[in-house]
Each structure stands twice: as C-alpha cells, then as structure tokens.
Amino acid sequence: MTQEGIDKIIGENKSQMSKIVAPLVKKGILEKTEGAIEDNNVKSFAIYVNPHIIYSGDRDNINATLQTMFQRHMKNKILKNLPVRFF
C-alpha cells in the first residue's frame, strides 16, 4: 500500500503520514520502498507490513523478497522476542 492509501483509510492528511510511518519503519513494523511512477518524475513509495506482525497465507511460503526486507529487523529488541516467528 502507499502512504496516500493509508492516509485515506485512517483519515490523516498526507503531511502527517511521514510522522506516523517513520517510527514504525525504524522499529521494523513497516518497510518503505521507493519506486517511480511510469512516465512521471514523481517518486512513489510502497509500504509493507512485517509478516511477523500481520500475515495471511501459507506461513511456509512467504515471499523471499518480503523475508529479505524484514530479516535485519528481527534482531531488533522489540521484535526479537515475538512468540511466533516465520523465518
């Protein structure tokens, strides 16, 4: 999902989203990746939720890219002691 999509869901304005997302990225709950919109110079960001926090699907078949995105965060003291870990 994008920050714009999240702000529509939770009702915050776009300028507040960075203040909400940044601490969650730092804690390893979310991951923010940068992309580009085709035929436009505007940057876009996709936001992913750590699958250890919320995941729906086959727990033995989590996308390798998603695993790589959150692997470093799992050493974080906040996430290290989660009761269930997938990878």
PDB file of N, CA and C in Angstrom:
ATOM      1  N   MET A   1       0.844  -1.173   0.000  1.00  0.00           N
ATOM      2  CA  MET A   1       0.000   0.000   0.000  1.00  0.00           C
ATOM      3  C   MET A   1       0.890   1.237   0.000  1.00  0.00           C
ATOM      4  N   THR A   2       0.368   2.330  -0.456  1.00  0.00           N
ATOM      5  CA  THR A   2       1.113   3.588  -0.467  1.00  0.00           C
ATOM      6  C   THR A   2       0.729   4.414   0.751  1.00  0.00           C
ATOM      7  N   GLN A   3       1.552   5.434   1.044  1.00  0.00           N
ATOM      8  CA  GLN A   3       1.213   6.344   2.147  1.00  0.00           C
ATOM      9  C   GLN A   3      -0.113   7.030   1.879  1.00  0.00           C
ATOM     10  N   GLU A   4      -0.352   7.369   0.628  1.00  0.00           N
ATOM     11  CA  GLU A   4      -1.614   8.030   0.268  1.00  0.00           C
ATOM     12  C   GLU A   4      -2.804   7.110   0.546  1.00  0.00           C
ATOM     13  N   GLY A   5      -2.639   5.836   0.243  1.00  0.00           N
ATOM     14  CA  GLY A   5      -3.706   4.872   0.513  1.00  0.00           C
ATOM     15  C   GLY A   5      -3.966   4.713   2.000  1.00  0.00           C
ATOM     16  N   ILE A   6      -2.889   4.703   2.777  1.00  0.00           N
ATOM     17  CA  ILE A   6      -3.031   4.577   4.232  1.00  0.00           C
ATOM     18  C   ILE A   6      -3.706   5.817   4.811  1.00  0.00           C
ATOM     19  N   ASP A   7      -3.315   6.998   4.324  1.00  0.00           N
ATOM     20  CA  ASP A   7      -3.923   8.213   4.887  1.00  0.00           C
ATOM     21  C   ASP A   7      -5.416   8.288   4.608  1.00  0.00           C
ATOM     22  N   LYS A   8      -5.848   7.732   3.482  1.00  0.00           N
ATOM     23  CA  LYS A   8      -7.285   7.698   3.200  1.00  0.00           C
ATOM     24  C   LYS A   8      -8.010   6.758   4.156  1.00  0.00           C
ATOM     25  N   ILE A   9      -7.383   5.649   4.478  1.00  0.00           N
ATOM     26  CA  ILE A   9      -8.010   4.667   5.365  1.00  0.00           C
ATOM     27  C   ILE A   9      -8.098   5.173   6.804  1.00  0.00           C
ATOM     28  N   ILE A  10      -6.999   5.760   7.301  1.00  0.00           N
ATOM     29  CA  ILE A  10      -7.011   6.173   8.715  1.00  0.00           C
ATOM     30  C   ILE A  10      -7.450   7.617   8.917  1.00  0.00           C
ATOM     31  N   GLY A  11      -7.619   8.355   7.821  1.00  0.00           N
ATOM     32  CA  GLY A  11      -8.168   9.704   7.936  1.00  0.00           C
ATOM     33  C   GLY A  11      -7.163  10.773   8.306  1.00  0.00           C
ATOM     34  N   GLU A  12      -5.887  10.500   8.169  1.00  0.00           N
ATOM     35  CA  GLU A  12      -4.869  11.528   8.422  1.00  0.00           C
ATOM     36  C   GLU A  12      -4.521  12.215   7.105  1.00  0.00           C
ATOM     37  N   ASN A  13      -4.021  13.444   7.205  1.00  0.00           N
ATOM     38  CA  ASN A  13      -3.603  14.107   5.970  1.00  0.00           C
ATOM     39  C   ASN A  13      -2.208  13.636   5.583  1.00  0.00           C
ATOM     40  N   LYS A  14      -1.858  13.884   4.342  1.00  0.00           N
ATOM     41  CA  LYS A  14      -0.601  13.366   3.781  1.00  0.00           C
ATOM     42  C   LYS A  14       0.627  13.860   4.541  1.00  0.00           C
ATOM     43  N   SER A  15       0.611  15.080   5.024  1.00  0.00           N
ATOM     44  CA  SER A  15       1.770  15.627   5.739  1.00  0.00           C
ATOM     45  C   SER A  15       2.009  14.919   7.074  1.00  0.00           C
ATOM     46  N   GLN A  16       0.985  14.357   7.671  1.00  0.00           N
ATOM     47  CA  GLN A  16       1.124  13.647   8.942  1.00  0.00           C
ATOM     48  C   GLN A  16       1.607  12.212   8.762  1.00  0.00           C
ATOM     49  N   MET A  17       1.468  11.665   7.570  1.00  0.00           N
ATOM     50  CA  MET A  17       1.807  10.263   7.345  1.00  0.00           C
ATOM     51  C   MET A  17       3.280   9.975   7.585  1.00  0.00           C
ATOM     52  N   SER A  18       4.172  10.874   7.210  1.00  0.00           N
ATOM     53  CA  SER A  18       5.597  10.649   7.441  1.00  0.00           C
ATOM     54  C   SER A  18       5.891  10.528   8.928  1.00  0.00           C
ATOM     55  N   LYS A  19       5.210  11.334   9.732  1.00  0.00           N
ATOM     56  CA  LYS A  19       5.405  11.279  11.186  1.00  0.00           C
ATOM     57  C   LYS A  19       4.867   9.984  11.782  1.00  0.00           C
ATOM     58  N   ILE A  20       3.901   9.389  11.124  1.00  0.00           N
ATOM     59  CA  ILE A  20       3.327   8.127  11.590  1.00  0.00           C
ATOM     60  C   ILE A  20       4.157   6.948  11.096  1.00  0.00           C
ATOM     61  N   VAL A  21       4.542   6.972   9.838  1.00  0.00           N
ATOM     62  CA  VAL A  21       5.231   5.843   9.212  1.00  0.00           C
ATOM     63  C   VAL A  21       6.687   5.729   9.670  1.00  0.00           C
ATOM     64  N   ALA A  22       7.400   6.829   9.762  1.00  0.00           N
ATOM     65  CA  ALA A  22       8.840   6.789  10.071  1.00  0.00           C
ATOM     66  C   ALA A  22       9.180   6.020  11.353  1.00  0.00           C
ATOM     67  N   PRO A  23       8.500   6.258  12.471  1.00  0.00           N
ATOM     68  CA  PRO A  23       8.838   5.485  13.677  1.00  0.00           C
ATOM     69  C   PRO A  23       8.526   3.996  13.535  1.00  0.00           C
ATOM     70  N   LEU A  24       7.487   3.659  12.773  1.00  0.00           N
ATOM     71  CA  LEU A  24       7.139   2.254  12.568  1.00  0.00           C
ATOM     72  C   LEU A  24       8.160   1.555  11.673  1.00  0.00           C
ATOM     73  N   VAL A  25       8.733   2.287  10.729  1.00  0.00           N
ATOM     74  CA  VAL A  25       9.811   1.744   9.899  1.00  0.00           C
ATOM     75  C   VAL A  25      11.046   1.519  10.765  1.00  0.00           C
ATOM     76  N   LYS A  26      11.361   2.475  11.596  1.00  0.00           N
ATOM     77  CA  LYS A  26      12.535   2.374  12.469  1.00  0.00           C
ATOM     78  C   LYS A  26      12.435   1.169  13.413  1.00  0.00           C
ATOM     79  N   LYS A  27      11.235   0.871  13.872  1.00  0.00           N
ATOM     80  CA  LYS A  27      11.027  -0.258  14.776  1.00  0.00           C
ATOM     81  C   LYS A  27      10.937  -1.593  14.052  1.00  0.00           C
ATOM     82  N   GLY A  28      10.827  -1.575  12.716  1.00  0.00           N
ATOM     83  CA  GLY A  28      10.758  -2.808  11.946  1.00  0.00           C
ATOM     84  C   GLY A  28       9.356  -3.341  11.760  1.00  0.00           C
ATOM     85  N   ILE A  29       8.372  -2.550  12.080  1.00  0.00           N
ATOM     86  CA  ILE A  29       6.987  -2.970  11.906  1.00  0.00           C
ATOM     87  C   ILE A  29       6.558  -2.783  10.456  1.00  0.00           C
ATOM     88  N   LEU A  30       7.034  -1.709   9.834  1.00  0.00           N
ATOM     89  CA  LEU A  30       6.765  -1.438   8.424  1.00  0.00           C
ATOM     90  C   LEU A  30       8.081  -1.329   7.673  1.00  0.00           C
ATOM     91  N   GLU A  31       8.023  -1.488   6.360  1.00  0.00           N
ATOM     92  CA  GLU A  31       9.172  -1.232   5.493  1.00  0.00           C
ATOM     93  C   GLU A  31       8.677  -0.366   4.345  1.00  0.00           C
ATOM     94  N   LYS A  32       9.442   0.648   4.010  1.00  0.00           N
ATOM     95  CA  LYS A  32       9.051   1.599   2.975  1.00  0.00           C
ATOM     96  C   LYS A  32      10.052   1.466   1.831  1.00  0.00           C
ATOM     97  N   THR A  33       9.558   1.166   0.629  1.00  0.00           N
ATOM     98  CA  THR A  33      10.425   1.043  -0.534  1.00  0.00           C
ATOM     99  C   THR A  33      10.088   2.123  -1.544  1.00  0.00           C
ATOM    100  N   GLU A  34      11.103   2.595  -2.216  1.00  0.00           N
ATOM    101  CA  GLU A  34      10.927   3.690  -3.165  1.00  0.00           C
ATOM    102  C   GLU A  34      10.810   3.147  -4.577  1.00  0.00           C
ATOM    103  N   GLY A  35       9.948   3.757  -5.335  1.00  0.00           N
ATOM    104  CA  GLY A  35       9.771   3.393  -6.737  1.00  0.00           C
ATOM    105  C   GLY A  35       9.537   4.645  -7.548  1.00  0.00           C
ATOM    106  N   ALA A  36       9.061   4.473  -8.734  1.00  0.00           N
ATOM    107  CA  ALA A  36       8.748   5.616  -9.601  1.00  0.00           C
ATOM    108  C   ALA A  36       7.470   5.310 -10.361  1.00  0.00           C
ATOM    109  N   ILE A  37       6.727   6.339 -10.651  1.00  0.00           N
ATOM    110  CA  ILE A  37       5.518   6.189 -11.450  1.00  0.00           C
ATOM    111  C   ILE A  37       5.922   6.321 -12.910  1.00  0.00           C
ATOM    112  N   GLU A  38       5.492   5.376 -13.719  1.00  0.00           N
ATOM    113  CA  GLU A  38       5.872   5.357 -15.129  1.00  0.00           C
ATOM    114  C   GLU A  38       5.415   6.637 -15.830  1.00  0.00           C
ATOM    115  N   ASP A  39       6.274   7.151 -16.697  1.00  0.00           N
ATOM    116  CA  ASP A  39       6.002   8.374 -17.469  1.00  0.00           C
ATOM    117  C   ASP A  39       5.806   9.600 -16.585  1.00  0.00           C
ATOM    118  N   ASN A  40       6.441   9.600 -15.408  1.00  0.00           N
ATOM    119  CA  ASN A  40       6.308  10.721 -14.495  1.00  0.00           C
ATOM    120  C   ASN A  40       7.576  10.775 -13.638  1.00  0.00           C
ATOM    121  N   ASN A  41       7.977  11.947 -13.224  1.00  0.00           N
ATOM    122  CA  ASN A  41       9.170  12.084 -12.390  1.00  0.00           C
ATOM    123  C   ASN A  41       8.850  12.013 -10.899  1.00  0.00           C
ATOM    124  N   VAL A  42       7.639  11.673 -10.558  1.00  0.00           N
ATOM    125  CA  VAL A  42       7.210  11.632  -9.171  1.00  0.00           C
ATOM    126  C   VAL A  42       7.660  10.325  -8.522  1.00  0.00           C
ATOM    127  N   LYS A  43       8.206  10.423  -7.317  1.00  0.00           N
ATOM    128  CA  LYS A  43       8.574   9.225  -6.568  1.00  0.00           C
ATOM    129  C   LYS A  43       7.319   8.629  -5.932  1.00  0.00           C
ATOM    130  N   SER A  44       7.312   7.322  -5.855  1.00  0.00           N
ATOM    131  CA  SER A  44       6.224   6.659  -5.142  1.00  0.00           C
ATOM    132  C   SER A  44       6.846   5.730  -4.118  1.00  0.00           C
ATOM    133  N   PHE A  45       6.135   5.476  -3.057  1.00  0.00           N
ATOM    134  CA  PHE A  45       6.623   4.601  -2.000  1.00  0.00           C
ATOM    135  C   PHE A  45       5.588   3.528  -1.725  1.00  0.00           C
ATOM    136  N   ALA A  46       6.048   2.312  -1.631  1.00  0.00           N
ATOM    137  CA  ALA A  46       5.178   1.218  -1.227  1.00  0.00           C
ATOM    138  C   ALA A  46       5.523   0.888   0.223  1.00  0.00           C
ATOM    139  N   ILE A  47       4.517   0.599   1.011  1.00  0.00           N
ATOM    140  CA  ILE A  47       4.718   0.285   2.426  1.00  0.00           C
ATOM    141  C   ILE A  47       4.248  -1.138   2.668  1.00  0.00           C
ATOM    142  N   TYR A  48       5.120  -1.921   3.298  1.00  0.00           N
ATOM    143  CA  TYR A  48       4.834  -3.319   3.596  1.00  0.00           C
ATOM    144  C   TYR A  48       4.809  -3.524   5.096  1.00  0.00           C
ATOM    145  N   VAL A  49       3.938  -4.399   5.564  1.00  0.00           N
ATOM    146  CA  VAL A  49       3.855  -4.737   6.981  1.00  0.00           C
ATOM    147  C   VAL A  49       4.717  -5.972   7.221  1.00  0.00           C
ATOM    148  N   ASN A  50       5.474  -5.953   8.304  1.00  0.00           N
ATOM    149  CA  ASN A  50       6.305  -7.082   8.684  1.00  0.00           C
ATOM    150  C   ASN A  50       5.406  -8.310   8.820  1.00  0.00           C
ATOM    151  N   PRO A  51       5.704  -9.391   8.098  1.00  0.00           N
ATOM    152  CA  PRO A  51       4.830 -10.566   8.161  1.00  0.00           C
ATOM    153  C   PRO A  51       4.798 -11.232   9.536  1.00  0.00           C
ATOM    154  N   HIS A  52       5.754 -10.932  10.384  1.00  0.00           N
ATOM    155  CA  HIS A  52       5.721 -11.450  11.753  1.00  0.00           C
ATOM    156  C   HIS A  52       4.642 -10.750  12.576  1.00  0.00           C
ATOM    157  N   ILE A  53       4.233  -9.568  12.140  1.00  0.00           N
ATOM    158  CA  ILE A  53       3.201  -8.799  12.836  1.00  0.00           C
ATOM    159  C   ILE A  53       1.821  -9.181  12.305  1.00  0.00           C
ATOM    160  N   ILE A  54       1.638  -9.095  10.987  1.00  0.00           N
ATOM    161  CA  ILE A  54       0.368  -9.449  10.351  1.00  0.00           C
ATOM    162  C   ILE A  54       0.696 -10.207   9.068  1.00  0.00           C
ATOM    163  N   TYR A  55       0.119 -11.401   8.932  1.00  0.00           N
ATOM    164  CA  TYR A  55       0.326 -12.171   7.709  1.00  0.00           C
ATOM    165  C   TYR A  55      -0.867 -13.085   7.490  1.00  0.00           C
ATOM    166  N   SER A  56      -1.310 -13.153   6.255  1.00  0.00           N
ATOM    167  CA  SER A  56      -2.384 -14.055   5.879  1.00  0.00           C
ATOM    168  C   SER A  56      -1.895 -14.872   4.693  1.00  0.00           C
ATOM    169  N   GLY A  57      -1.857 -16.156   4.856  1.00  0.00           N
ATOM    170  CA  GLY A  57      -1.406 -17.011   3.771  1.00  0.00           C
ATOM    171  C   GLY A  57      -0.618 -18.190   4.305  1.00  0.00           C
ATOM    172  N   ASP A  58       0.034 -18.885   3.415  1.00  0.00           N
ATOM    173  CA  ASP A  58       0.831 -20.058   3.764  1.00  0.00           C
ATOM    174  C   ASP A  58       2.106 -19.614   4.470  1.00  0.00           C
ATOM    175  N   ARG A  59       2.214 -19.893   5.737  1.00  0.00           N
ATOM    176  CA  ARG A  59       3.362 -19.432   6.525  1.00  0.00           C
ATOM    177  C   ARG A  59       4.666 -20.078   6.097  1.00  0.00           C
ATOM    178  N   ASP A  60       4.596 -21.184   5.359  1.00  0.00           N
ATOM    179  CA  ASP A  60       5.803 -21.844   4.871  1.00  0.00           C
ATOM    180  C   ASP A  60       6.187 -21.377   3.468  1.00  0.00           C
ATOM    181  N   ASN A  61       5.434 -20.435   2.922  1.00  0.00           N
ATOM    182  CA  ASN A  61       5.680 -19.966   1.568  1.00  0.00           C
ATOM    183  C   ASN A  61       5.648 -18.434   1.513  1.00  0.00           C
ATOM    184  N   ILE A  62       6.341 -17.778   2.434  1.00  0.00           N
ATOM    185  CA  ILE A  62       6.400 -16.315   2.453  1.00  0.00           C
ATOM    186  C   ILE A  62       7.393 -15.863   1.381  1.00  0.00           C
ATOM    187  N   ASN A  63       7.004 -14.898   0.598  1.00  0.00           N
ATOM    188  CA  ASN A  63       7.818 -14.371  -0.492  1.00  0.00           C
ATOM    189  C   ASN A  63       9.239 -14.068  -0.017  1.00  0.00           C
ATOM    190  N   ALA A  64      10.232 -14.514  -0.794  1.00  0.00           N
ATOM    191  CA  ALA A  64      11.643 -14.340  -0.420  1.00  0.00           C
ATOM    192  C   ALA A  64      12.032 -12.862  -0.316  1.00  0.00           C
ATOM    193  N   THR A  65      11.483 -12.034  -1.172  1.00  0.00           N
ATOM    194  CA  THR A  65      11.780 -10.598  -1.103  1.00  0.00           C
ATOM    195  C   THR A  65      11.251 -10.004   0.191  1.00  0.00           C
ATOM    196  N   LEU A  66      10.063 -10.389   0.576  1.00  0.00           N
ATOM    197  CA  LEU A  66       9.479  -9.919   1.828  1.00  0.00           C
ATOM    198  C   LEU A  66      10.331 -10.379   3.018  1.00  0.00           C
ATOM    199  N   GLN A  67      10.808 -11.597   2.979  1.00  0.00           N
ATOM    200  CA  GLN A  67      11.671 -12.101   4.042  1.00  0.00           C
ATOM    201  C   GLN A  67      12.954 -11.271   4.134  1.00  0.00           C
ATOM    202  N   THR A  68      13.554 -10.990   2.982  1.00  0.00           N
ATOM    203  CA  THR A  68      14.796 -10.214   2.953  1.00  0.00           C
ATOM    204  C   THR A  68      14.581  -8.808   3.498  1.00  0.00           C
ATOM    205  N   MET A  69      13.441  -8.205   3.167  1.00  0.00           N
ATOM    206  CA  MET A  69      13.152  -6.840   3.619  1.00  0.00           C
ATOM    207  C   MET A  69      13.139  -6.742   5.139  1.00  0.00           C
ATOM    208  N   PHE A  70      12.662  -7.794   5.818  1.00  0.00           N
ATOM    209  CA  PHE A  70      12.481  -7.717   7.265  1.00  0.00           C
ATOM    210  C   PHE A  70      13.499  -8.525   8.057  1.00  0.00           C
ATOM    211  N   GLN A  71      14.403  -9.223   7.398  1.00  0.00           N
ATOM    212  CA  GLN A  71      15.368 -10.072   8.096  1.00  0.00           C
ATOM    213  C   GLN A  71      16.192  -9.285   9.112  1.00  0.00           C
ATOM    214  N   ARG A  72      16.696  -8.128   8.725  1.00  0.00           N
ATOM    215  CA  ARG A  72      17.546  -7.339   9.627  1.00  0.00           C
ATOM    216  C   ARG A  72      16.777  -6.809  10.835  1.00  0.00           C
ATOM    217  N   HIS A  73      15.506  -6.579  10.662  1.00  0.00           N
ATOM    218  CA  HIS A  73      14.703  -6.042  11.760  1.00  0.00           C
ATOM    219  C   HIS A  73      14.449  -7.070  12.862  1.00  0.00           C
ATOM    220  N   MET A  74      14.544  -8.333  12.537  1.00  0.00           N
ATOM    221  CA  MET A  74      14.193  -9.365  13.511  1.00  0.00           C
ATOM    222  C   MET A  74      15.216  -9.471  14.635  1.00  0.00           C
ATOM    223  N   LYS A  75      16.345  -8.782  14.520  1.00  0.00           N
ATOM    224  CA  LYS A  75      17.327  -8.717  15.603  1.00  0.00           C
ATOM    225  C   LYS A  75      17.030  -7.550  16.549  1.00  0.00           C
ATOM    226  N   ASN A  76      16.114  -6.696  16.132  1.00  0.00           N
ATOM    227  CA  ASN A  76      15.695  -5.547  16.921  1.00  0.00           C
ATOM    228  C   ASN A  76      15.087  -6.033  18.240  1.00  0.00           C
ATOM    229  N   LYS A  77      15.437  -5.380  19.339  1.00  0.00           N
ATOM    230  CA  LYS A  77      14.976  -5.850  20.652  1.00  0.00           C
ATOM    231  C   LYS A  77      13.457  -5.872  20.776  1.00  0.00           C
ATOM    232  N   ILE A  78      12.773  -5.043  20.033  1.00  0.00           N
ATOM    233  CA  ILE A  78      11.310  -5.022  20.087  1.00  0.00           C
ATOM    234  C   ILE A  78      10.724  -6.284  19.446  1.00  0.00           C
ATOM    235  N   LEU A  79      11.336  -6.765  18.357  1.00  0.00           N
ATOM    236  CA  LEU A  79      10.784  -7.892  17.606  1.00  0.00           C
ATOM    237  C   LEU A  79      11.457  -9.231  17.925  1.00  0.00           C
ATOM    238  N   LYS A  80      12.585  -9.181  18.586  1.00  0.00           N
ATOM    239  CA  LYS A  80      13.369 -10.394  18.816  1.00  0.00           C
ATOM    240  C   LYS A  80      12.610 -11.457  19.600  1.00  0.00           C
ATOM    241  N   ASN A  81      11.751 -11.055  20.499  1.00  0.00           N
ATOM    242  CA  ASN A  81      11.063 -11.997  21.376  1.00  0.00           C
ATOM    243  C   ASN A  81       9.605 -12.246  21.006  1.00  0.00           C
ATOM    244  N   LEU A  82       9.270 -12.091  19.738  1.00  0.00           N
ATOM    245  CA  LEU A  82       7.907 -12.390  19.306  1.00  0.00           C
ATOM    246  C   LEU A  82       7.614 -13.864  19.557  1.00  0.00           C
ATOM    247  N   PRO A  83       6.408 -14.207  19.976  1.00  0.00           N
ATOM    248  CA  PRO A  83       6.091 -15.609  20.272  1.00  0.00           C
ATOM    249  C   PRO A  83       6.094 -16.522  19.052  1.00  0.00           C
ATOM    250  N   VAL A  84       5.810 -15.975  17.863  1.00  0.00           N
ATOM    251  CA  VAL A  84       5.796 -16.764  16.636  1.00  0.00           C
ATOM    252  C   VAL A  84       6.661 -16.033  15.622  1.00  0.00           C
ATOM    253  N   ARG A  85       7.635 -16.779  15.065  1.00  0.00           N
ATOM    254  CA  ARG A  85       8.497 -16.223  14.014  1.00  0.00           C
ATOM    255  C   ARG A  85       8.427 -17.143  12.821  1.00  0.00           C
ATOM    256  N   PHE A  86       8.330 -16.569  11.628  1.00  0.00           N
ATOM    257  CA  PHE A  86       8.198 -17.365  10.408  1.00  0.00           C
ATOM    258  C   PHE A  86       9.529 -17.679   9.751  1.00  0.00           C
ATOM    259  N   PHE A  87      10.499 -16.802   9.878  1.00  0.00           N
ATOM    260  CA  PHE A  87      11.813 -17.041   9.254  1.00  0.00           C
ATOM    261  C   PHE A  87      12.890 -16.444  10.122  1.00  0.00           C
TER     262      PHE A  87
END
